[in-house]
């Protein structure tokens, strides 16, 4: 049986659906910190298991050298990073998400004030 999660941006203009999420992880890189104001909690999902159910025309893309970052052009909510075969979907968009973190990546760059409070594996760089 497949698991499906739904999410929305802050203004409700964009709605999304994630099927069969692979994992929940945190990225602590400085780019994510600038994008969301802290470390980014994201759900890893195969590209083909992600879709918009409303408001795709509102989605804007910031072309970053690491990965294109997609956000709502109306309210600015972070939606997902396009990592090629997989997307890193902002966990905060999905209110019914019930997964425990399975990794922390780029921990070498985390904010000095941020304390990791779980026992998920930590990687100084990308796993």
N, C-alpha and C. Protein backbone atom coordinates (compact mmCIF):
# COMPACT_ATOMS: atom_id res chain seq x y z
N UNK A 1 0.85 -1.18 0.00
CA UNK A 1 0.00 0.00 0.00
C UNK A 1 0.89 1.23 0.00
N UNK A 2 0.59 2.17 -0.87
CA UNK A 2 1.41 3.37 -0.95
C UNK A 2 0.90 4.44 0.02
N UNK A 3 1.84 5.26 0.48
CA UNK A 3 1.51 6.36 1.38
C UNK A 3 1.48 7.64 0.57
N UNK A 4 0.45 8.45 0.79
CA UNK A 4 0.34 9.74 0.11
C UNK A 4 0.20 10.84 1.14
N UNK A 5 1.03 11.87 0.97
CA UNK A 5 1.00 13.05 1.82
C UNK A 5 0.57 14.24 0.99
N UNK A 6 -0.17 15.14 1.59
CA UNK A 6 -0.56 16.36 0.90
C UNK A 6 0.01 17.55 1.63
N UNK A 7 0.24 18.62 0.88
CA UNK A 7 0.79 19.82 1.48
C UNK A 7 0.31 21.07 0.79
N UNK A 8 0.59 22.18 1.42
CA UNK A 8 0.18 23.47 0.88
C UNK A 8 1.18 24.54 1.30
N UNK A 9 1.23 25.61 0.53
CA UNK A 9 2.06 26.75 0.90
C UNK A 9 1.31 27.58 1.94
N UNK A 10 1.93 28.63 2.41
CA UNK A 10 1.34 29.48 3.45
C UNK A 10 0.03 30.11 3.02
N UNK A 11 -0.05 30.60 1.80
CA UNK A 11 -1.28 31.28 1.35
C UNK A 11 -2.34 30.31 0.84
N UNK A 12 -1.99 29.05 0.64
CA UNK A 12 -2.93 28.05 0.16
C UNK A 12 -3.09 28.05 -1.35
N UNK A 13 -2.33 28.88 -2.04
CA UNK A 13 -2.43 28.94 -3.49
C UNK A 13 -1.83 27.75 -4.20
N UNK A 14 -0.84 27.12 -3.57
CA UNK A 14 -0.19 25.93 -4.14
C UNK A 14 -0.49 24.75 -3.24
N UNK A 15 -0.95 23.66 -3.85
CA UNK A 15 -1.15 22.42 -3.13
C UNK A 15 -0.35 21.34 -3.84
N UNK A 16 0.21 20.42 -3.06
CA UNK A 16 1.05 19.37 -3.64
C UNK A 16 0.74 18.03 -3.03
N UNK A 17 1.21 17.00 -3.70
CA UNK A 17 0.99 15.62 -3.26
C UNK A 17 2.29 14.83 -3.43
N UNK A 18 2.64 14.08 -2.40
CA UNK A 18 3.83 13.23 -2.39
C UNK A 18 3.38 11.80 -2.14
N UNK A 19 3.77 10.89 -3.02
CA UNK A 19 3.42 9.48 -2.87
C UNK A 19 4.69 8.67 -2.60
N UNK A 20 4.60 7.74 -1.67
CA UNK A 20 5.72 6.88 -1.30
C UNK A 20 6.99 7.65 -0.94
N UNK A 21 6.92 8.50 0.09
CA UNK A 21 8.12 9.23 0.50
C UNK A 21 9.21 8.25 0.94
N UNK A 22 10.45 8.55 0.59
CA UNK A 22 11.57 7.65 0.90
C UNK A 22 12.14 7.89 2.30
N UNK A 23 12.26 9.15 2.69
CA UNK A 23 12.84 9.46 4.00
C UNK A 23 12.58 10.91 4.34
N UNK A 24 12.84 11.23 5.59
CA UNK A 24 12.82 12.61 6.08
C UNK A 24 14.22 12.93 6.58
N UNK A 25 14.75 14.03 6.14
CA UNK A 25 16.09 14.41 6.57
C UNK A 25 16.21 15.90 6.73
N UNK A 26 17.34 16.30 7.27
CA UNK A 26 17.64 17.72 7.47
C UNK A 26 18.88 18.10 6.69
N UNK A 27 18.81 19.26 6.04
CA UNK A 27 20.00 19.82 5.41
C UNK A 27 20.40 21.05 6.21
N UNK A 28 21.66 21.08 6.61
CA UNK A 28 22.16 22.16 7.46
C UNK A 28 23.07 23.13 6.71
N UNK A 29 23.07 23.07 5.37
CA UNK A 29 23.97 23.94 4.61
C UNK A 29 23.56 25.40 4.75
N UNK A 30 24.49 26.29 4.46
CA UNK A 30 24.21 27.72 4.59
C UNK A 30 23.18 28.19 3.55
N UNK A 31 23.10 27.53 2.40
CA UNK A 31 22.10 27.90 1.40
C UNK A 31 20.69 27.62 1.93
N UNK A 32 20.49 26.48 2.56
CA UNK A 32 19.17 26.18 3.14
C UNK A 32 18.86 27.14 4.28
N UNK A 33 19.87 27.48 5.07
CA UNK A 33 19.65 28.43 6.15
C UNK A 33 19.17 29.77 5.61
N UNK A 34 19.76 30.22 4.51
CA UNK A 34 19.33 31.48 3.91
C UNK A 34 17.94 31.35 3.29
N UNK A 35 17.63 30.17 2.75
CA UNK A 35 16.36 29.97 2.07
C UNK A 35 15.18 29.92 3.04
N UNK A 36 15.35 29.20 4.16
CA UNK A 36 14.22 29.02 5.08
C UNK A 36 14.43 29.64 6.46
N UNK A 37 15.61 30.20 6.69
CA UNK A 37 15.88 30.83 7.98
C UNK A 37 16.43 29.89 9.02
N UNK A 38 16.64 28.63 8.68
CA UNK A 38 17.17 27.63 9.59
C UNK A 38 17.55 26.41 8.75
N UNK A 39 17.82 25.31 9.38
CA UNK A 39 18.04 24.07 8.63
C UNK A 39 16.73 23.65 7.98
N UNK A 40 16.84 23.03 6.82
CA UNK A 40 15.64 22.63 6.08
C UNK A 40 15.30 21.17 6.35
N UNK A 41 14.11 20.94 6.89
CA UNK A 41 13.58 19.58 7.02
C UNK A 41 12.90 19.25 5.71
N UNK A 42 13.30 18.14 5.10
CA UNK A 42 12.74 17.79 3.80
C UNK A 42 12.44 16.32 3.66
N UNK A 43 11.44 16.03 2.85
CA UNK A 43 11.05 14.67 2.54
C UNK A 43 11.64 14.33 1.17
N UNK A 44 12.38 13.24 1.12
CA UNK A 44 12.96 12.77 -0.13
C UNK A 44 11.91 11.93 -0.85
N UNK A 45 11.65 12.28 -2.10
CA UNK A 45 10.64 11.55 -2.89
C UNK A 45 11.12 11.49 -4.34
N UNK A 46 10.84 10.36 -4.98
CA UNK A 46 11.15 10.23 -6.41
C UNK A 46 10.38 11.29 -7.18
N UNK A 47 11.04 11.87 -8.17
CA UNK A 47 10.44 12.93 -8.98
C UNK A 47 9.06 12.54 -9.51
N UNK A 48 8.92 11.29 -9.95
CA UNK A 48 7.65 10.86 -10.52
C UNK A 48 6.56 10.68 -9.47
N UNK A 49 6.91 10.74 -8.18
CA UNK A 49 5.93 10.59 -7.10
C UNK A 49 5.56 11.93 -6.46
N UNK A 50 5.83 13.01 -7.18
CA UNK A 50 5.50 14.36 -6.73
C UNK A 50 4.61 15.01 -7.78
N UNK A 51 3.56 15.70 -7.32
CA UNK A 51 2.74 16.44 -8.27
C UNK A 51 2.03 17.60 -7.57
N UNK A 52 1.70 18.60 -8.37
CA UNK A 52 0.89 19.71 -7.88
C UNK A 52 -0.57 19.38 -8.13
N UNK A 53 -1.41 19.67 -7.15
CA UNK A 53 -2.85 19.48 -7.33
C UNK A 53 -3.57 20.82 -7.48
N UNK A 54 -2.83 21.90 -7.25
CA UNK A 54 -3.39 23.25 -7.39
C UNK A 54 -2.25 24.25 -7.44
N UNK A 55 -2.40 25.26 -8.28
CA UNK A 55 -1.51 26.41 -8.26
C UNK A 55 -0.13 26.24 -8.88
N UNK A 56 0.05 25.29 -9.76
CA UNK A 56 1.38 25.10 -10.36
C UNK A 56 1.85 26.38 -11.05
N UNK A 57 0.92 27.17 -11.56
CA UNK A 57 1.27 28.42 -12.22
C UNK A 57 1.87 29.45 -11.26
N UNK A 58 1.68 29.27 -9.97
CA UNK A 58 2.25 30.18 -8.97
C UNK A 58 3.69 29.83 -8.60
N UNK A 59 4.14 28.64 -8.98
CA UNK A 59 5.46 28.17 -8.56
C UNK A 59 6.55 28.89 -9.36
N UNK A 60 7.50 29.44 -8.63
CA UNK A 60 8.65 30.13 -9.21
C UNK A 60 9.90 29.34 -8.84
N UNK A 61 10.96 29.51 -9.61
CA UNK A 61 12.21 28.79 -9.38
C UNK A 61 13.37 29.76 -9.25
N UNK A 62 14.16 29.56 -8.21
CA UNK A 62 15.43 30.27 -8.06
C UNK A 62 16.51 29.28 -8.47
N UNK A 63 17.27 29.63 -9.50
CA UNK A 63 18.33 28.75 -9.99
C UNK A 63 19.57 28.88 -9.12
N UNK A 64 19.79 27.90 -8.29
CA UNK A 64 20.95 27.83 -7.41
C UNK A 64 22.00 26.93 -8.06
N UNK A 65 23.27 27.16 -7.76
CA UNK A 65 24.32 26.32 -8.37
C UNK A 65 24.25 24.88 -7.89
N UNK A 66 23.65 24.61 -6.76
CA UNK A 66 23.55 23.24 -6.26
C UNK A 66 22.28 22.56 -6.76
N UNK A 67 21.15 23.24 -6.60
CA UNK A 67 19.87 22.66 -7.01
C UNK A 67 18.85 23.78 -7.19
N UNK A 68 18.00 23.69 -8.21
CA UNK A 68 16.93 24.67 -8.35
C UNK A 68 16.00 24.60 -7.14
N UNK A 69 15.67 25.76 -6.60
CA UNK A 69 14.79 25.86 -5.43
C UNK A 69 13.46 26.44 -5.87
N UNK A 70 12.40 25.75 -5.54
CA UNK A 70 11.07 26.12 -6.00
C UNK A 70 10.22 26.62 -4.84
N UNK A 71 9.49 27.71 -5.09
CA UNK A 71 8.74 28.37 -4.03
C UNK A 71 7.46 28.97 -4.60
N UNK A 72 6.53 29.31 -3.71
CA UNK A 72 5.29 29.97 -4.11
C UNK A 72 5.61 31.42 -4.43
N UNK A 73 5.28 31.85 -5.64
CA UNK A 73 5.54 33.22 -6.05
C UNK A 73 4.63 34.22 -5.37
N UNK A 74 3.57 33.76 -4.71
CA UNK A 74 2.65 34.66 -4.02
C UNK A 74 3.08 34.89 -2.58
N UNK A 75 3.31 33.83 -1.81
CA UNK A 75 3.64 33.99 -0.38
C UNK A 75 5.10 33.71 -0.05
N UNK A 76 5.85 33.12 -0.99
CA UNK A 76 7.27 32.86 -0.78
C UNK A 76 7.60 31.55 -0.08
N UNK A 77 6.59 30.74 0.23
CA UNK A 77 6.86 29.47 0.92
C UNK A 77 7.81 28.59 0.12
N UNK A 78 8.78 28.01 0.81
CA UNK A 78 9.69 27.04 0.21
C UNK A 78 8.91 25.77 -0.08
N UNK A 79 9.01 25.25 -1.30
CA UNK A 79 8.26 24.05 -1.67
C UNK A 79 9.15 22.83 -1.84
N UNK A 80 10.18 22.92 -2.72
CA UNK A 80 11.05 21.77 -2.91
C UNK A 80 12.32 22.17 -3.64
N UNK A 81 13.36 21.36 -3.43
CA UNK A 81 14.59 21.42 -4.21
C UNK A 81 14.55 20.30 -5.23
N UNK A 82 14.94 20.60 -6.45
CA UNK A 82 15.00 19.61 -7.52
C UNK A 82 16.41 19.04 -7.56
N UNK A 83 16.58 17.82 -7.07
CA UNK A 83 17.89 17.18 -7.01
C UNK A 83 18.10 16.19 -8.15
N UNK A 84 17.32 16.33 -9.21
CA UNK A 84 17.45 15.42 -10.35
C UNK A 84 16.42 14.32 -10.29
N UNK A 85 16.84 13.12 -9.88
CA UNK A 85 15.92 11.98 -9.81
C UNK A 85 14.99 12.06 -8.61
N UNK A 86 15.36 12.86 -7.61
CA UNK A 86 14.52 13.00 -6.42
C UNK A 86 14.31 14.49 -6.11
N UNK A 87 13.24 14.74 -5.39
CA UNK A 87 12.95 16.08 -4.87
C UNK A 87 13.12 16.03 -3.36
N UNK A 88 13.53 17.17 -2.79
CA UNK A 88 13.64 17.36 -1.35
C UNK A 88 12.53 18.35 -1.00
N UNK A 89 11.38 17.82 -0.58
CA UNK A 89 10.16 18.61 -0.39
C UNK A 89 10.11 19.14 1.04
N UNK A 90 9.87 20.42 1.17
CA UNK A 90 9.83 21.06 2.49
C UNK A 90 8.80 20.37 3.39
N UNK A 91 9.29 19.81 4.47
CA UNK A 91 8.42 19.04 5.38
C UNK A 91 7.34 19.92 6.00
N UNK A 92 7.63 21.18 6.21
CA UNK A 92 6.66 22.08 6.83
C UNK A 92 5.41 22.32 6.02
N UNK A 93 5.41 21.93 4.76
CA UNK A 93 4.22 22.11 3.93
C UNK A 93 3.18 21.01 4.17
N UNK A 94 3.61 19.91 4.84
CA UNK A 94 2.74 18.74 4.97
C UNK A 94 2.32 18.53 6.43
N UNK A 95 1.14 19.00 6.81
CA UNK A 95 0.73 18.95 8.22
C UNK A 95 0.54 17.54 8.78
N UNK A 96 0.27 16.56 7.94
CA UNK A 96 0.03 15.20 8.43
C UNK A 96 1.27 14.31 8.37
N UNK A 97 2.41 14.89 8.08
CA UNK A 97 3.66 14.13 8.01
C UNK A 97 3.96 13.49 9.36
N UNK A 98 4.21 12.19 9.34
CA UNK A 98 4.50 11.46 10.57
C UNK A 98 5.70 10.53 10.33
N UNK A 99 6.84 11.14 10.04
CA UNK A 99 8.07 10.38 9.81
C UNK A 99 9.13 10.91 10.79
N UNK A 100 10.01 10.03 11.18
CA UNK A 100 11.13 10.45 12.01
C UNK A 100 12.33 10.72 11.10
N UNK A 101 13.17 11.69 11.47
CA UNK A 101 14.35 11.98 10.65
C UNK A 101 15.26 10.76 10.53
N UNK A 102 15.77 10.54 9.32
CA UNK A 102 16.70 9.42 9.11
C UNK A 102 18.11 9.89 8.78
N UNK A 103 18.31 11.21 8.63
CA UNK A 103 19.66 11.73 8.40
C UNK A 103 19.72 13.23 8.61
N UNK A 104 20.94 13.70 8.86
CA UNK A 104 21.29 15.12 8.89
C UNK A 104 22.49 15.25 7.96
N UNK A 105 22.37 16.09 6.93
CA UNK A 105 23.48 16.25 6.00
C UNK A 105 24.07 17.66 6.10
N UNK A 106 25.32 17.78 5.72
CA UNK A 106 26.06 19.03 5.73
C UNK A 106 26.09 19.67 7.12
N UNK A 107 26.24 18.81 8.11
CA UNK A 107 26.27 19.24 9.51
C UNK A 107 27.47 20.15 9.79
N UNK A 108 28.52 20.03 9.01
CA UNK A 108 29.70 20.89 9.19
C UNK A 108 29.36 22.37 9.02
N UNK A 109 28.22 22.66 8.39
CA UNK A 109 27.83 24.05 8.10
C UNK A 109 26.65 24.54 8.93
N UNK A 110 26.18 23.72 9.87
CA UNK A 110 25.00 24.11 10.64
C UNK A 110 25.27 25.37 11.45
N UNK A 111 24.20 26.09 11.75
CA UNK A 111 24.31 27.31 12.55
C UNK A 111 24.86 26.95 13.93
N UNK A 112 25.70 27.79 14.47
CA UNK A 112 26.32 27.52 15.78
C UNK A 112 25.28 27.37 16.89
N UNK A 113 24.17 28.06 16.77
CA UNK A 113 23.13 28.01 17.80
C UNK A 113 22.23 26.79 17.67
N UNK A 114 22.30 26.07 16.56
CA UNK A 114 21.42 24.93 16.32
C UNK A 114 21.97 23.67 16.99
N UNK A 115 21.14 23.06 17.83
CA UNK A 115 21.50 21.79 18.46
C UNK A 115 20.62 20.69 17.89
N UNK A 116 21.25 19.66 17.38
CA UNK A 116 20.50 18.53 16.83
C UNK A 116 20.02 17.67 17.98
N UNK A 117 18.71 17.42 18.05
CA UNK A 117 18.15 16.76 19.22
C UNK A 117 17.64 15.35 18.98
N UNK A 118 18.09 14.70 17.91
CA UNK A 118 17.66 13.32 17.70
C UNK A 118 18.88 12.46 17.42
N UNK A 119 18.67 11.17 17.24
CA UNK A 119 19.82 10.27 17.07
C UNK A 119 19.99 9.80 15.62
N UNK A 120 19.41 10.52 14.67
CA UNK A 120 19.58 10.18 13.25
C UNK A 120 21.06 10.37 12.88
N UNK A 121 21.58 9.58 11.95
CA UNK A 121 22.98 9.72 11.54
C UNK A 121 23.27 11.14 11.03
N UNK A 122 24.47 11.61 11.38
CA UNK A 122 24.90 12.93 10.98
C UNK A 122 26.10 12.82 10.04
N UNK A 123 26.02 13.57 8.94
CA UNK A 123 27.08 13.56 7.94
C UNK A 123 27.64 14.98 7.81
N UNK A 124 28.96 15.12 7.93
CA UNK A 124 29.59 16.44 7.81
C UNK A 124 29.32 17.04 6.44
N UNK A 125 29.31 16.19 5.41
CA UNK A 125 29.05 16.61 4.04
C UNK A 125 27.81 15.84 3.55
N UNK A 126 27.70 15.61 2.25
CA UNK A 126 26.57 14.84 1.73
C UNK A 126 26.79 13.34 2.01
N UNK A 127 25.73 12.61 2.34
CA UNK A 127 25.88 11.17 2.62
C UNK A 127 26.26 10.39 1.37
